[in-house]
Amino acid sequence: MTRFTARYILDERPLHFTVWGAQLVVASFFAVSASLKLMLHVDRLVEIMAWTADLPPAALRALGACELLAAVVVAAPVVTREPQRVVGWTAVGLSALMLLATATHLLHAELRIAPISLALAALAAFVAWGRLAHEPLEHDSPR
């Protein structure tokens, strides 16, 4: 291992740990959100999230299933060491979803919730950038 590679690994380590933490926060949020959409009755969902009144129940369940799948994909590499590109592209999709959620909250005058959606979009974008623009630490480590 060259001196440059060793320095690169040491310089990138805090970034990678920060991205791992962001992945776990994003995955946790979407797992909880998906669980609500999949397990609660539609009337209860409307009480919690007013925008759900605009969607048919099947669409809510499908959205919940997609969110749960995305949460698993984002969190799985912590355990399985799956390719980071899959996590990055999933995070791109989640970021786009949360930008649409922000617009939905603004349209429904849910001004208190819109910043949370926007912050989650930014966090998912950070995960996407971290996983698509940087090589995993294991890539450069000696075998």
C-alpha atoms as a PDB file:
ATOM      1  CA  MET A   1       0.000   0.000   0.000  1.00  0.00           C
ATOM      2  CA  THR A   2       1.411   3.346  -0.965  1.00  0.00           C
ATOM      3  CA  ARG A   3       1.651   6.285   1.328  1.00  0.00           C
ATOM      4  CA  PHE A   4      -1.019   8.117  -0.729  1.00  0.00           C
ATOM      5  CA  THR A   5      -3.480   5.256  -0.331  1.00  0.00           C
ATOM      6  CA  ALA A   6      -2.901   5.079   3.428  1.00  0.00           C
ATOM      7  CA  ARG A   7      -3.460   8.831   3.771  1.00  0.00           C
ATOM      8  CA  TYR A   8      -6.572   8.589   1.576  1.00  0.00           C
ATOM      9  CA  ILE A   9      -8.049   5.874   3.791  1.00  0.00           C
ATOM     10  CA  LEU A  10      -7.328   7.835   6.979  1.00  0.00           C
ATOM     11  CA  ASP A  11      -8.762  11.056   5.515  1.00  0.00           C
ATOM     12  CA  GLU A  12     -11.933   9.346   4.252  1.00  0.00           C
ATOM     13  CA  ARG A  13     -12.698   7.350   7.400  1.00  0.00           C
ATOM     14  CA  PRO A  14     -14.692  10.110   9.225  1.00  0.00           C
ATOM     15  CA  LEU A  15     -16.715  10.747   6.067  1.00  0.00           C
ATOM     16  CA  HIS A  16     -17.594   7.086   5.723  1.00  0.00           C
ATOM     17  CA  PHE A  17     -18.665   6.799   9.358  1.00  0.00           C
ATOM     18  CA  THR A  18     -20.807   9.928   8.941  1.00  0.00           C
ATOM     19  CA  VAL A  19     -22.437   8.459   5.822  1.00  0.00           C
ATOM     20  CA  TRP A  20     -23.090   5.178   7.670  1.00  0.00           C
ATOM     21  CA  GLY A  21     -24.806   7.142  10.439  1.00  0.00           C
ATOM     22  CA  ALA A  22     -26.878   9.083   7.907  1.00  0.00           C
ATOM     23  CA  GLN A  23     -27.848   5.795   6.233  1.00  0.00           C
ATOM     24  CA  LEU A  24     -29.132   4.424   9.517  1.00  0.00           C
ATOM     25  CA  VAL A  25     -31.149   7.597  10.227  1.00  0.00           C
ATOM     26  CA  VAL A  26     -32.693   7.545   6.727  1.00  0.00           C
ATOM     27  CA  ALA A  27     -33.421   3.816   6.924  1.00  0.00           C
ATOM     28  CA  SER A  28     -34.980   4.184  10.395  1.00  0.00           C
ATOM     29  CA  PHE A  29     -37.224   7.044   9.311  1.00  0.00           C
ATOM     30  CA  PHE A  30     -38.474   5.193   6.245  1.00  0.00           C
ATOM     31  CA  ALA A  31     -38.966   1.940   8.160  1.00  0.00           C
ATOM     32  CA  VAL A  32     -41.194   3.718  10.695  1.00  0.00           C
ATOM     33  CA  SER A  33     -43.055   5.646   7.999  1.00  0.00           C
ATOM     34  CA  ALA A  34     -43.594   2.470   5.974  1.00  0.00           C
ATOM     35  CA  SER A  35     -44.799   0.570   9.034  1.00  0.00           C
ATOM     36  CA  LEU A  36     -47.438   3.222   9.690  1.00  0.00           C
ATOM     37  CA  LYS A  37     -48.666   3.088   6.087  1.00  0.00           C
ATOM     38  CA  LEU A  38     -48.747  -0.699   6.063  1.00  0.00           C
ATOM     39  CA  MET A  39     -50.266  -1.422   9.474  1.00  0.00           C
ATOM     40  CA  LEU A  40     -52.613   1.407  10.416  1.00  0.00           C
ATOM     41  CA  HIS A  41     -56.181   1.716   9.225  1.00  0.00           C
ATOM     42  CA  VAL A  42     -56.644   4.379   6.544  1.00  0.00           C
ATOM     43  CA  ASP A  43     -58.874   6.508   8.805  1.00  0.00           C
ATOM     44  CA  ARG A  44     -56.146   6.607  11.459  1.00  0.00           C
ATOM     45  CA  LEU A  45     -53.546   7.496   8.812  1.00  0.00           C
ATOM     46  CA  VAL A  46     -55.658  10.467   7.709  1.00  0.00           C
ATOM     47  CA  GLU A  47     -55.701  11.693  11.326  1.00  0.00           C
ATOM     48  CA  ILE A  48     -51.904  11.478  11.518  1.00  0.00           C
ATOM     49  CA  MET A  49     -51.055  12.508   7.951  1.00  0.00           C
ATOM     50  CA  ALA A  50     -53.757  14.632   6.337  1.00  0.00           C
ATOM     51  CA  TRP A  51     -52.338  14.236   2.819  1.00  0.00           C
ATOM     52  CA  THR A  52     -53.148  10.513   2.870  1.00  0.00           C
ATOM     53  CA  ALA A  53     -56.831  11.390   2.327  1.00  0.00           C
ATOM     54  CA  ASP A  54     -55.955  12.196  -1.304  1.00  0.00           C
ATOM     55  CA  LEU A  55     -54.689   8.686  -2.086  1.00  0.00           C
ATOM     56  CA  PRO A  56     -56.580   5.426  -2.467  1.00  0.00           C
ATOM     57  CA  PRO A  57     -55.782   2.833   0.208  1.00  0.00           C
ATOM     58  CA  ALA A  58     -54.006   0.574  -2.288  1.00  0.00           C
ATOM     59  CA  ALA A  59     -51.682   3.414  -3.263  1.00  0.00           C
ATOM     60  CA  LEU A  60     -50.880   4.087   0.402  1.00  0.00           C
ATOM     61  CA  ARG A  61     -50.043   0.427   0.971  1.00  0.00           C
ATOM     62  CA  ALA A  62     -47.901   0.351  -2.182  1.00  0.00           C
ATOM     63  CA  LEU A  63     -46.057   3.480  -1.049  1.00  0.00           C
ATOM     64  CA  GLY A  64     -45.485   1.876   2.335  1.00  0.00           C
ATOM     65  CA  ALA A  65     -44.140  -1.297   0.730  1.00  0.00           C
ATOM     66  CA  CYS A  66     -41.767   0.717  -1.479  1.00  0.00           C
ATOM     67  CA  GLU A  67     -40.567   2.741   1.512  1.00  0.00           C
ATOM     68  CA  LEU A  68     -39.963  -0.434   3.519  1.00  0.00           C
ATOM     69  CA  LEU A  69     -37.989  -1.988   0.658  1.00  0.00           C
ATOM     70  CA  ALA A  70     -35.923   1.199   0.322  1.00  0.00           C
ATOM     71  CA  ALA A  71     -35.234   1.228   4.078  1.00  0.00           C
ATOM     72  CA  VAL A  72     -33.983  -2.358   3.908  1.00  0.00           C
ATOM     73  CA  VAL A  73     -31.767  -1.595   0.898  1.00  0.00           C
ATOM     74  CA  VAL A  74     -30.274   1.471   2.592  1.00  0.00           C
ATOM     75  CA  ALA A  75     -29.670  -0.320   5.904  1.00  0.00           C
ATOM     76  CA  ALA A  76     -28.637  -3.778   4.638  1.00  0.00           C
ATOM     77  CA  PRO A  77     -25.035  -2.922   3.700  1.00  0.00           C
ATOM     78  CA  VAL A  78     -24.321  -2.222   7.365  1.00  0.00           C
ATOM     79  CA  VAL A  79     -24.604  -5.981   7.859  1.00  0.00           C
ATOM     80  CA  THR A  80     -24.152  -7.559   4.430  1.00  0.00           C
ATOM     81  CA  ARG A  81     -21.566  -5.275   2.756  1.00  0.00           C
ATOM     82  CA  GLU A  82     -23.653  -5.114  -0.419  1.00  0.00           C
ATOM     83  CA  PRO A  83     -22.459  -2.833  -3.236  1.00  0.00           C
ATOM     84  CA  GLN A  84     -22.516   0.818  -2.233  1.00  0.00           C
ATOM     85  CA  ARG A  85     -23.819   1.943  -5.640  1.00  0.00           C
ATOM     86  CA  VAL A  86     -27.183   0.297  -4.921  1.00  0.00           C
ATOM     87  CA  VAL A  87     -27.429   2.279  -1.687  1.00  0.00           C
ATOM     88  CA  GLY A  88     -26.463   5.474  -3.511  1.00  0.00           C
ATOM     89  CA  TRP A  89     -29.103   5.138  -6.210  1.00  0.00           C
ATOM     90  CA  THR A  90     -31.736   4.157  -3.648  1.00  0.00           C
ATOM     91  CA  ALA A  91     -30.846   7.283  -1.679  1.00  0.00           C
ATOM     92  CA  VAL A  92     -31.255   9.349  -4.879  1.00  0.00           C
ATOM     93  CA  GLY A  93     -34.779   7.951  -5.219  1.00  0.00           C
ATOM     94  CA  LEU A  94     -35.572   8.630  -1.564  1.00  0.00           C
ATOM     95  CA  SER A  95     -34.294  12.184  -1.894  1.00  0.00           C
ATOM     96  CA  ALA A  96     -36.560  12.747  -4.898  1.00  0.00           C
ATOM     97  CA  LEU A  97     -39.471  11.199  -2.991  1.00  0.00           C
ATOM     98  CA  MET A  98     -38.910  13.561  -0.066  1.00  0.00           C
ATOM     99  CA  LEU A  99     -38.729  16.584  -2.377  1.00  0.00           C
ATOM    100  CA  LEU A 100     -42.140  15.555  -3.708  1.00  0.00           C
ATOM    101  CA  ALA A 101     -43.309  15.058  -0.117  1.00  0.00           C
ATOM    102  CA  THR A 102     -42.155  18.586   0.705  1.00  0.00           C
ATOM    103  CA  ALA A 103     -44.199  19.940  -2.198  1.00  0.00           C
ATOM    104  CA  THR A 104     -47.204  17.894  -1.039  1.00  0.00           C
ATOM    105  CA  HIS A 105     -46.926  19.264   2.492  1.00  0.00           C
ATOM    106  CA  LEU A 106     -46.698  22.819   1.169  1.00  0.00           C
ATOM    107  CA  LEU A 107     -49.763  22.277  -1.029  1.00  0.00           C
ATOM    108  CA  HIS A 108     -51.712  21.026   1.992  1.00  0.00           C
ATOM    109  CA  ALA A 109     -50.497  23.988   4.097  1.00  0.00           C
ATOM    110  CA  GLU A 110     -48.636  21.629   6.449  1.00  0.00           C
ATOM    111  CA  LEU A 111     -45.889  24.167   7.001  1.00  0.00           C
ATOM    112  CA  ARG A 112     -44.545  22.535  10.175  1.00  0.00           C
ATOM    113  CA  ILE A 113     -43.848  19.234   8.415  1.00  0.00           C
ATOM    114  CA  ALA A 114     -42.329  20.575   5.180  1.00  0.00           C
ATOM    115  CA  PRO A 115     -38.919  21.412   6.748  1.00  0.00           C
ATOM    116  CA  ILE A 116     -38.670  17.879   8.131  1.00  0.00           C
ATOM    117  CA  SER A 117     -39.276  16.424   4.659  1.00  0.00           C
ATOM    118  CA  LEU A 118     -36.743  18.834   3.185  1.00  0.00           C
ATOM    119  CA  ALA A 119     -34.150  17.919   5.815  1.00  0.00           C
ATOM    120  CA  LEU A 120     -34.690  14.230   5.128  1.00  0.00           C
ATOM    121  CA  ALA A 121     -34.292  14.886   1.395  1.00  0.00           C
ATOM    122  CA  ALA A 122     -30.974  16.607   2.127  1.00  0.00           C
ATOM    123  CA  LEU A 123     -29.843  13.725   4.356  1.00  0.00           C
ATOM    124  CA  ALA A 124     -30.728  11.170   1.669  1.00  0.00           C
ATOM    125  CA  ALA A 125     -28.876  13.316  -0.902  1.00  0.00           C
ATOM    126  CA  PHE A 126     -25.839  13.286   1.400  1.00  0.00           C
ATOM    127  CA  VAL A 127     -26.002   9.481   1.553  1.00  0.00           C
ATOM    128  CA  ALA A 128     -26.286   9.340  -2.234  1.00  0.00           C
ATOM    129  CA  TRP A 129     -23.279  11.625  -2.659  1.00  0.00           C
ATOM    130  CA  GLY A 130     -21.259   9.681  -0.093  1.00  0.00           C
ATOM    131  CA  ARG A 131     -21.978   6.316  -1.692  1.00  0.00           C
ATOM    132  CA  LEU A 132     -21.779   7.315  -5.361  1.00  0.00           C
ATOM    133  CA  ALA A 133     -18.838   9.744  -5.247  1.00  0.00           C
ATOM    134  CA  HIS A 134     -16.548   7.840  -2.859  1.00  0.00           C
ATOM    135  CA  GLU A 135     -15.101   4.360  -2.898  1.00  0.00           C
ATOM    136  CA  PRO A 136     -15.866   2.162   0.116  1.00  0.00           C
ATOM    137  CA  LEU A 137     -13.050   1.886   2.654  1.00  0.00           C
ATOM    138  CA  GLU A 138     -12.826  -1.847   2.035  1.00  0.00           C
ATOM    139  CA  HIS A 139     -11.952  -1.143  -1.615  1.00  0.00           C
ATOM    140  CA  ASP A 140      -8.510   0.237  -0.716  1.00  0.00           C
ATOM    141  CA  SER A 141      -7.714  -1.852   2.331  1.00  0.00           C
ATOM    142  CA  PRO A 142      -5.050  -4.579   2.111  1.00  0.00           C
ATOM    143  CA  ARG A 143      -6.273  -8.142   1.827  1.00  0.00           C
END
